[in-house]
Structure formats: structure tokens, C-alpha cells
Amino acid sequence: MNRSKRLAAVQGLEDKKVEGIARDLAVARKNLALRRQQLEKLVLYMNEYNSAAPDAAENRGLFLERRAFLGRLDEALEAAKERVVQCERDCAALVAQWHKQKGRARALESAGERLQATAQQRLDKAEQANSDEVGARQGSSWSQD
């Protein structure tokens, strides 16, 4: 049973790793949702700003200022899209890591169960042998009577 206890300790560590990755994944998914929300706000703002018809009497300075602002807004949109894509990659990597770690934990659990079953079989076999020996002694003492 000593091996079984050691394996249980290792299994406990693996389970904690699985839980840690799951927590990290939850944080990453919240971050992804936040990044998507920020991107949506920027898209809405860009659409609103583009839909506002420029005043026909706008002077050249205002036109250039508006164009520069739209350029910065477009850059902000691209950066927000990149952050969303990166967050999606992070989430996908954490999901893959979680599956891998969960597989290890299951393998250790299965090995522990097999180890316990083998140990129980040995105990049962020893008990049966002991019982047979006691029965054989009692049978031989009865035949002598």
C-alpha cells in the first residue's frame, strides 16, 4: 500500500495543476470577453463617427483633423482586433494544456485504482490461503480422531 499512497500524493499534485489551469482559463476567458466588448465599442464608435455627415462648410483644417482622427481610430481598432486574436490564442492554448494535464491526472488515477485492485487481490489470496490452511489443519485433526 506504500506505493499506492505515494501515487495518491502525486495524483493530488496533478489534480491541483488541473485546477490551477482551469482557474487560469477562467481568467483568460473573462479577459477575452472584455477585449471583445472593447472592440465592439470601438466599432460602434467608428460607425457613429463615420455616419455623422460632415458639414459641407467644413474648412480644410477640420477636414484634415477629422481624417487624422479616423486614422488613429482605425489603428485603435486594428490593435483591439489583435488583442482579441491573442486572447483567443491564449484561451486555446490553456484549453489544450488543461486537456493534457487532465489526461495525466486520469492516467494516474487509473494506475492508482489498478494498484489498489492488485493489492486487494493479493490480500484476498493470502486470506484464502490462510483460510485453506486452517481448514486443512482442522480436517487432518478430525481424521485422526
Protein backbone atom coordinates (compact mmCIF):
# COMPACT_ATOMS: atom_id res chain seq x y z
CA MET A 1 0.00 0.00 0.00
CA ASN A 2 3.03 2.28 0.32
CA ARG A 3 3.23 2.62 -3.46
CA SER A 4 -0.45 3.38 -3.55
CA LYS A 5 -0.02 6.21 -1.01
CA ARG A 6 2.87 7.71 -2.96
CA LEU A 7 0.89 7.53 -6.16
CA ALA A 8 -2.08 9.18 -4.43
CA ALA A 9 0.17 12.05 -3.36
CA VAL A 10 1.39 12.54 -6.93
CA GLN A 11 -2.18 12.30 -8.18
CA GLY A 12 -3.18 15.03 -5.73
CA LEU A 13 -0.47 17.29 -7.16
CA GLU A 14 -1.65 16.60 -10.70
CA ASP A 15 -5.23 17.38 -9.71
CA LYS A 16 -4.08 20.70 -8.24
CA LYS A 17 -2.33 21.51 -11.53
CA VAL A 18 -5.57 20.77 -13.41
CA GLU A 19 -7.47 23.09 -11.05
CA GLY A 20 -4.84 25.82 -11.48
CA ILE A 21 -5.05 25.64 -15.25
CA ALA A 22 -8.86 25.76 -15.03
CA ARG A 23 -8.62 28.93 -12.92
CA ASP A 24 -6.18 30.47 -15.42
CA LEU A 25 -8.55 29.54 -18.24
CA ALA A 26 -11.47 31.21 -16.47
CA VAL A 27 -9.43 34.41 -16.12
CA ALA A 28 -8.36 34.22 -19.77
CA ARG A 29 -11.97 33.78 -20.90
CA LYS A 30 -13.06 36.80 -18.85
CA ASN A 31 -10.21 38.79 -20.41
CA LEU A 32 -11.30 37.65 -23.87
CA ALA A 33 -14.87 38.75 -23.19
CA LEU A 34 -13.62 42.13 -22.01
CA ARG A 35 -11.41 42.56 -25.10
CA ARG A 36 -14.31 41.64 -27.38
CA GLN A 37 -16.53 44.14 -25.60
CA GLN A 38 -13.89 46.86 -26.04
CA LEU A 39 -13.62 46.03 -29.73
CA GLU A 40 -17.38 46.21 -30.15
CA LYS A 41 -17.43 49.64 -28.51
CA LEU A 42 -14.71 50.89 -30.84
CA VAL A 43 -16.57 49.54 -33.88
CA LEU A 44 -19.77 51.25 -32.75
CA TYR A 45 -17.91 54.50 -32.13
CA MET A 46 -16.26 54.30 -35.55
CA ASN A 47 -19.61 53.63 -37.23
CA GLU A 48 -21.26 56.52 -35.39
CA TYR A 49 -18.42 58.86 -36.27
CA ASN A 50 -18.47 57.79 -39.92
CA SER A 51 -22.24 58.08 -40.16
CA ALA A 52 -22.22 61.67 -38.95
CA ALA A 53 -22.34 63.60 -42.18
CA PRO A 54 -19.52 66.11 -42.36
CA ASP A 55 -20.65 69.67 -42.64
CA ALA A 56 -20.38 70.92 -46.20
CA ALA A 57 -18.97 74.19 -44.94
CA GLU A 58 -16.17 72.35 -43.11
CA ASN A 59 -12.87 74.03 -43.68
CA ARG A 60 -9.72 72.26 -44.75
CA GLY A 61 -8.24 72.27 -41.23
CA LEU A 62 -11.25 70.49 -39.76
CA PHE A 63 -11.27 68.03 -42.64
CA LEU A 64 -7.61 67.13 -42.05
CA GLU A 65 -8.20 66.91 -38.32
CA ARG A 66 -11.15 64.57 -38.84
CA ARG A 67 -9.14 62.43 -41.25
CA ALA A 68 -6.26 62.15 -38.78
CA PHE A 69 -8.69 61.21 -36.02
CA LEU A 70 -10.24 58.49 -38.19
CA GLY A 71 -6.75 57.17 -38.89
CA ARG A 72 -5.98 56.93 -35.17
CA LEU A 73 -9.34 55.32 -34.54
CA ASP A 74 -8.66 52.79 -37.29
CA GLU A 75 -5.28 51.99 -35.69
CA ALA A 76 -7.01 51.53 -32.34
CA LEU A 77 -9.48 49.12 -33.98
CA GLU A 78 -6.66 47.09 -35.50
CA ALA A 79 -4.85 46.93 -32.15
CA ALA A 80 -8.09 45.86 -30.43
CA LYS A 81 -8.59 43.13 -33.05
CA GLU A 82 -5.03 41.90 -32.46
CA ARG A 83 -5.65 41.79 -28.70
CA VAL A 84 -8.81 39.72 -29.26
CA VAL A 85 -6.95 37.31 -31.52
CA GLN A 86 -4.15 36.98 -28.95
CA CYS A 87 -6.67 36.34 -26.17
CA GLU A 88 -8.32 33.67 -28.32
CA ARG A 89 -4.92 32.02 -28.84
CA ASP A 90 -4.23 32.19 -25.11
CA CYS A 91 -7.56 30.54 -24.35
CA ALA A 92 -6.98 27.82 -26.95
CA ALA A 93 -3.51 27.12 -25.51
CA LEU A 94 -4.92 26.89 -21.99
CA VAL A 95 -7.68 24.53 -23.15
CA ALA A 96 -5.07 22.29 -24.77
CA GLN A 97 -2.91 22.45 -21.65
CA TRP A 98 -5.92 21.61 -19.47
CA HIS A 99 -6.79 18.57 -21.63
CA LYS A 100 -3.20 17.34 -21.50
CA GLN A 101 -2.97 17.78 -17.72
CA LYS A 102 -6.40 16.22 -17.19
CA GLY A 103 -5.25 13.20 -19.23
CA ARG A 104 -2.22 12.82 -16.98
CA ALA A 105 -4.40 13.06 -13.88
CA ARG A 106 -6.78 10.42 -15.25
CA ALA A 107 -3.87 8.12 -16.10
CA LEU A 108 -2.53 8.43 -12.57
CA GLU A 109 -5.98 7.83 -11.14
CA SER A 110 -6.35 4.71 -13.27
CA ALA A 111 -2.90 3.48 -12.25
CA GLY A 112 -3.78 4.05 -8.60
CA GLU A 113 -7.00 2.10 -8.97
CA ARG A 114 -5.15 -0.79 -10.64
CA LEU A 115 -2.53 -0.72 -7.91
CA GLN A 116 -5.20 -0.84 -5.21
CA ALA A 117 -7.05 -3.65 -7.01
CA THR A 118 -3.83 -5.66 -7.28
CA ALA A 119 -3.06 -5.10 -3.61
CA GLN A 120 -6.61 -6.14 -2.69
CA GLN A 121 -6.28 -9.28 -4.81
CA ARG A 122 -3.06 -10.18 -3.00
CA LEU A 123 -4.76 -9.67 0.35
CA ASP A 124 -7.73 -11.77 -0.72
CA LYS A 125 -5.42 -14.50 -1.99
CA ALA A 126 -3.39 -14.52 1.24
CA GLU A 127 -6.59 -14.61 3.26
CA GLN A 128 -7.90 -17.51 1.18
CA ALA A 129 -4.59 -19.38 1.56
CA ASN A 130 -4.69 -18.81 5.30
CA SER A 131 -8.30 -19.99 5.45
CA ASP A 132 -7.42 -23.09 3.39
CA GLU A 133 -4.50 -23.85 5.68
CA VAL A 134 -6.68 -23.56 8.79
CA GLY A 135 -9.32 -25.76 7.14
CA ALA A 136 -6.71 -28.33 6.15
CA ARG A 137 -5.38 -28.48 9.74
CA GLN A 138 -8.85 -28.89 11.15
CA GLY A 139 -9.65 -31.55 8.55
CA SER A 140 -6.50 -33.52 9.37
CA SER A 141 -7.17 -33.31 13.13
CA TRP A 142 -10.72 -34.62 12.58
CA SER A 143 -9.46 -37.55 10.52
CA GLN A 144 -7.08 -38.55 13.35
CA ASP A 145 -9.92 -38.72 15.84
